[in-house]
PDB file of N, CA and C in Angstrom:
ATOM      1  N   UNK A   1      -7.471  15.807  -4.821  1.00  0.00           N
ATOM      2  CA  UNK A   1      -7.931  16.152  -6.389  1.00  0.00           C
ATOM      3  C   UNK A   1      -7.421  15.393  -7.650  1.00  0.00           C
ATOM      4  N   UNK A   2      -5.790  14.798  -7.046  1.00  0.00           N
ATOM      5  CA  UNK A   2      -4.640  14.341  -7.741  1.00  0.00           C
ATOM      6  C   UNK A   2      -5.622  12.724  -7.930  1.00  0.00           C
ATOM      7  N   UNK A   3      -5.785  12.189  -6.840  1.00  0.00           N
ATOM      8  CA  UNK A   3      -6.678  10.923  -6.570  1.00  0.00           C
ATOM      9  C   UNK A   3      -7.518  10.791  -7.857  1.00  0.00           C
ATOM     10  N   UNK A   4      -8.760  11.789  -8.017  1.00  0.00           N
ATOM     11  CA  UNK A   4      -9.592  11.764  -8.570  1.00  0.00           C
ATOM     12  C   UNK A   4      -9.296  11.914  -9.674  1.00  0.00           C
ATOM     13  N   UNK A   5      -8.105  12.390 -10.768  1.00  0.00           N
ATOM     14  CA  UNK A   5      -7.453  11.967 -11.781  1.00  0.00           C
ATOM     15  C   UNK A   5      -7.030  10.250 -11.967  1.00  0.00           C
ATOM     16  N   UNK A   6      -6.030   9.990 -11.079  1.00  0.00           N
ATOM     17  CA  UNK A   6      -5.571   9.114 -11.365  1.00  0.00           C
ATOM     18  C   UNK A   6      -6.670   7.725 -11.195  1.00  0.00           C
ATOM     19  N   UNK A   7      -7.975   7.747 -10.750  1.00  0.00           N
ATOM     20  CA  UNK A   7      -8.984   7.042 -10.391  1.00  0.00           C
ATOM     21  C   UNK A   7      -9.477   7.418 -12.313  1.00  0.00           C
ATOM     22  N   UNK A   8      -9.883   8.333 -12.739  1.00  0.00           N
ATOM     23  CA  UNK A   8     -10.572   8.351 -13.993  1.00  0.00           C
ATOM     24  C   UNK A   8      -9.928   8.135 -15.007  1.00  0.00           C
ATOM     25  N   UNK A   9      -8.001   7.926 -14.947  1.00  0.00           N
ATOM     26  CA  UNK A   9      -7.316   7.268 -15.772  1.00  0.00           C
ATOM     27  C   UNK A   9      -6.892   6.034 -15.947  1.00  0.00           C
ATOM     28  N   UNK A  10      -7.886   5.507 -15.078  1.00  0.00           N
ATOM     29  CA  UNK A  10      -7.945   3.721 -15.281  1.00  0.00           C
ATOM     30  C   UNK A  10      -8.532   3.192 -16.086  1.00  0.00           C
ATOM     31  N   UNK A  11      -8.242   2.601 -17.079  1.00  0.00           N
ATOM     32  CA  UNK A  11      -9.145   2.238 -18.055  1.00  0.00           C
ATOM     33  C   UNK A  11     -10.370   1.441 -18.071  1.00  0.00           C
ATOM     34  N   UNK A  12     -11.453   1.446 -18.782  1.00  0.00           N
ATOM     35  CA  UNK A  12     -12.875   0.860 -18.874  1.00  0.00           C
ATOM     36  C   UNK A  12     -13.418   1.369 -18.498  1.00  0.00           C
ATOM     37  N   UNK A  13     -14.499   0.881 -17.910  1.00  0.00           N
ATOM     38  CA  UNK A  13     -16.291   1.897 -17.625  1.00  0.00           C
ATOM     39  C   UNK A  13     -15.922   1.332 -15.958  1.00  0.00           C
ATOM     40  N   UNK A  14     -17.116   2.408 -15.434  1.00  0.00           N
ATOM     41  CA  UNK A  14     -16.699   3.088 -13.957  1.00  0.00           C
ATOM     42  C   UNK A  14     -16.872   1.541 -13.009  1.00  0.00           C
ATOM     43  N   UNK A  15     -17.374   0.385 -13.605  1.00  0.00           N
ATOM     44  CA  UNK A  15     -17.292  -1.050 -12.845  1.00  0.00           C
ATOM     45  C   UNK A  15     -15.709  -1.281 -12.710  1.00  0.00           C
ATOM     46  N   UNK A  16     -15.284  -1.180 -14.124  1.00  0.00           N
ATOM     47  CA  UNK A  16     -13.849  -1.687 -14.171  1.00  0.00           C
ATOM     48  C   UNK A  16     -12.704  -1.186 -13.494  1.00  0.00           C
ATOM     49  N   UNK A  17     -12.488   0.049 -13.383  1.00  0.00           N
ATOM     50  CA  UNK A  17     -11.844   1.246 -12.963  1.00  0.00           C
ATOM     51  C   UNK A  17     -12.365   0.877 -10.914  1.00  0.00           C
ATOM     52  N   UNK A  18     -13.358   1.654 -10.578  1.00  0.00           N
ATOM     53  CA  UNK A  18     -13.360   0.338  -9.185  1.00  0.00           C
ATOM     54  C   UNK A  18     -12.654  -0.783  -8.705  1.00  0.00           C
ATOM     55  N   UNK A  19     -13.250  -1.947  -9.362  1.00  0.00           N
ATOM     56  CA  UNK A  19     -12.732  -3.371  -9.213  1.00  0.00           C
ATOM     57  C   UNK A  19     -10.824  -2.812  -9.133  1.00  0.00           C
ATOM     58  N   UNK A  20     -10.384  -2.177 -10.608  1.00  0.00           N
ATOM     59  CA  UNK A  20      -9.098  -2.029 -10.512  1.00  0.00           C
ATOM     60  C   UNK A  20      -8.301  -0.865  -9.523  1.00  0.00           C
ATOM     61  N   UNK A  21      -9.348  -0.293  -8.798  1.00  0.00           N
ATOM     62  CA  UNK A  21      -9.110   1.219  -7.957  1.00  0.00           C
ATOM     63  C   UNK A  21      -8.492  -0.257  -6.896  1.00  0.00           C
ATOM     64  N   UNK A  22      -9.404  -0.908  -6.480  1.00  0.00           N
ATOM     65  CA  UNK A  22      -9.478  -1.819  -5.215  1.00  0.00           C
ATOM     66  C   UNK A  22      -8.549  -2.703  -5.256  1.00  0.00           C
ATOM     67  N   UNK A  23      -7.848  -3.662  -6.291  1.00  0.00           N
ATOM     68  CA  UNK A  23      -7.185  -4.240  -6.560  1.00  0.00           C
ATOM     69  C   UNK A  23      -5.238  -3.415  -6.820  1.00  0.00           C
ATOM     70  N   UNK A  24      -5.349  -2.014  -7.253  1.00  0.00           N
ATOM     71  CA  UNK A  24      -3.853  -1.453  -6.742  1.00  0.00           C
ATOM     72  C   UNK A  24      -4.062  -1.448  -5.364  1.00  0.00           C
ATOM     73  N   UNK A  25      -5.512  -0.768  -4.381  1.00  0.00           N
ATOM     74  CA  UNK A  25      -5.435  -0.469  -2.978  1.00  0.00           C
ATOM     75  C   UNK A  25      -4.752  -1.788  -2.133  1.00  0.00           C
ATOM     76  N   UNK A  26      -5.457  -3.009  -2.722  1.00  0.00           N
ATOM     77  CA  UNK A  26      -4.924  -3.949  -1.363  1.00  0.00           C
ATOM     78  C   UNK A  26      -3.449  -4.350  -1.637  1.00  0.00           C
ATOM     79  N   UNK A  27      -2.916  -4.954  -3.212  1.00  0.00           N
ATOM     80  CA  UNK A  27      -1.843  -4.762  -3.742  1.00  0.00           C
ATOM     81  C   UNK A  27      -0.966  -3.204  -2.691  1.00  0.00           C
ATOM     82  N   UNK A  28      -0.856  -2.227  -2.619  1.00  0.00           N
ATOM     83  CA  UNK A  28      -0.100  -1.394  -2.052  1.00  0.00           C
ATOM     84  C   UNK A  28      -0.332  -1.464  -0.640  1.00  0.00           C
ATOM     85  N   UNK A  29      -1.112  -1.532   0.052  1.00  0.00           N
ATOM     86  CA  UNK A  29      -1.385  -1.894   1.269  1.00  0.00           C
ATOM     87  C   UNK A  29      -0.473  -3.256   1.754  1.00  0.00           C
ATOM     88  N   UNK A  30      -0.636  -4.280   1.226  1.00  0.00           N
ATOM     89  CA  UNK A  30       0.110  -5.760   1.266  1.00  0.00           C
ATOM     90  C   UNK A  30       1.747  -5.263   1.288  1.00  0.00           C
ATOM     91  N   UNK A  31       2.190  -4.539   0.073  1.00  0.00           N
ATOM     92  CA  UNK A  31       3.302  -4.001   0.260  1.00  0.00           C
ATOM     93  C   UNK A  31       3.712  -3.528   1.504  1.00  0.00           C
ATOM     94  N   UNK A  32       3.378  -2.124   1.513  1.00  0.00           N
ATOM     95  CA  UNK A  32       3.659  -1.531   3.467  1.00  0.00           C
ATOM     96  C   UNK A  32       3.959  -2.594   4.219  1.00  0.00           C
ATOM     97  N   UNK A  33       2.649  -3.058   4.282  1.00  0.00           N
ATOM     98  CA  UNK A  33       2.902  -3.944   5.420  1.00  0.00           C
ATOM     99  C   UNK A  33       3.917  -5.110   5.552  1.00  0.00           C
ATOM    100  N   UNK A  34       4.939  -5.493   4.567  1.00  0.00           N
ATOM    101  CA  UNK A  34       5.691  -6.424   4.790  1.00  0.00           C
ATOM    102  C   UNK A  34       6.819  -5.171   4.665  1.00  0.00           C
ATOM    103  N   UNK A  35       7.021  -4.317   4.054  1.00  0.00           N
ATOM    104  CA  UNK A  35       7.990  -3.448   4.212  1.00  0.00           C
ATOM    105  C   UNK A  35       8.025  -3.241   5.860  1.00  0.00           C
ATOM    106  N   UNK A  36       6.382  -2.290   5.962  1.00  0.00           N
ATOM    107  CA  UNK A  36       6.682  -1.675   8.040  1.00  0.00           C
ATOM    108  C   UNK A  36       7.310  -3.437   8.194  1.00  0.00           C
ATOM    109  N   UNK A  37       6.920  -4.383   8.239  1.00  0.00           N
ATOM    110  CA  UNK A  37       7.564  -5.726   9.297  1.00  0.00           C
ATOM    111  C   UNK A  37       8.811  -6.105   8.893  1.00  0.00           C
ATOM    112  N   UNK A  38       9.416  -5.483   7.817  1.00  0.00           N
ATOM    113  CA  UNK A  38      10.782  -5.738   7.739  1.00  0.00           C
ATOM    114  C   UNK A  38      11.723  -4.394   8.259  1.00  0.00           C
ATOM    115  N   UNK A  39      11.136  -3.506   8.306  1.00  0.00           N
ATOM    116  CA  UNK A  39      11.947  -2.202   9.087  1.00  0.00           C
ATOM    117  C   UNK A  39      11.654  -2.745  10.401  1.00  0.00           C
ATOM    118  N   UNK A  40      11.261  -3.188  10.857  1.00  0.00           N
ATOM    119  CA  UNK A  40      10.572  -3.950  12.274  1.00  0.00           C
ATOM    120  C   UNK A  40      11.722  -4.582  12.482  1.00  0.00           C
ATOM    121  N   UNK A  41      11.878  -5.246  11.838  1.00  0.00           N
ATOM    122  CA  UNK A  41      12.787  -6.428  12.261  1.00  0.00           C
ATOM    123  C   UNK A  41      14.083  -6.134  12.003  1.00  0.00           C
ATOM    124  N   UNK A  42      14.642  -5.383  11.372  1.00  0.00           N
ATOM    125  CA  UNK A  42      15.659  -5.569  10.643  1.00  0.00           C
ATOM    126  C   UNK A  42      16.294  -3.999  10.903  1.00  0.00           C
ATOM    127  N   UNK A  43      15.682  -2.966  10.845  1.00  0.00           N
ATOM    128  CA  UNK A  43      16.118  -1.574  11.587  1.00  0.00           C
ATOM    129  C   UNK A  43      16.030  -1.561  12.630  1.00  0.00           C
ATOM    130  N   UNK A  44      14.687  -1.215  13.794  1.00  0.00           N
ATOM    131  CA  UNK A  44      14.255  -1.045  14.416  1.00  0.00           C
ATOM    132  C   UNK A  44      14.642  -1.495  15.904  1.00  0.00           C
ATOM    133  N   UNK A  45      14.663  -0.743  16.920  1.00  0.00           N
ATOM    134  CA  UNK A  45      15.047  -1.375  18.128  1.00  0.00           C
ATOM    135  C   UNK A  45      14.204  -2.938  18.405  1.00  0.00           C
ATOM    136  N   UNK A  46      15.016  -4.282  18.925  1.00  0.00           N
ATOM    137  CA  UNK A  46      14.432  -4.901  18.975  1.00  0.00           C
ATOM    138  C   UNK A  46      13.579  -5.342  20.774  1.00  0.00           C
ATOM    139  N   UNK A  47      13.873  -4.253  21.305  1.00  0.00           N
ATOM    140  CA  UNK A  47      13.598  -4.093  22.937  1.00  0.00           C
ATOM    141  C   UNK A  47      13.655  -4.859  23.839  1.00  0.00           C
ATOM    142  N   UNK A  48      15.378  -5.118  23.322  1.00  0.00           N
ATOM    143  CA  UNK A  48      16.102  -5.429  24.676  1.00  0.00           C
ATOM    144  C   UNK A  48      16.774  -4.264  25.332  1.00  0.00           C
ATOM    145  N   UNK A  49      17.212  -4.959  26.286  1.00  0.00           N
ATOM    146  CA  UNK A  49      18.630  -3.936  26.901  1.00  0.00           C
ATOM    147  C   UNK A  49      19.249  -2.996  26.557  1.00  0.00           C
ATOM    148  N   UNK A  50      19.709  -2.123  26.687  1.00  0.00           N
ATOM    149  CA  UNK A  50      20.904  -1.372  26.185  1.00  0.00           C
ATOM    150  C   UNK A  50      22.159  -1.881  26.958  1.00  0.00           C
ATOM    151  N   UNK A  51      23.135  -2.370  27.153  1.00  0.00           N
ATOM    152  CA  UNK A  51      24.448  -3.292  28.031  1.00  0.00           C
ATOM    153  C   UNK A  51      25.607  -2.265  27.346  1.00  0.00           C
TER     154      UNK A  51
END
């Protein structure tokens, strides 16, 4: 129900709310992918052998 409240808190009529929600989702998803890529390259095991 929290997401519904956040969605209803977006400004403008319903069409603008849908567009804003989609843009926010795309930006958040893209940022998450960059974070996962950074974590995979810098923090996690590279897949090499342990010596």
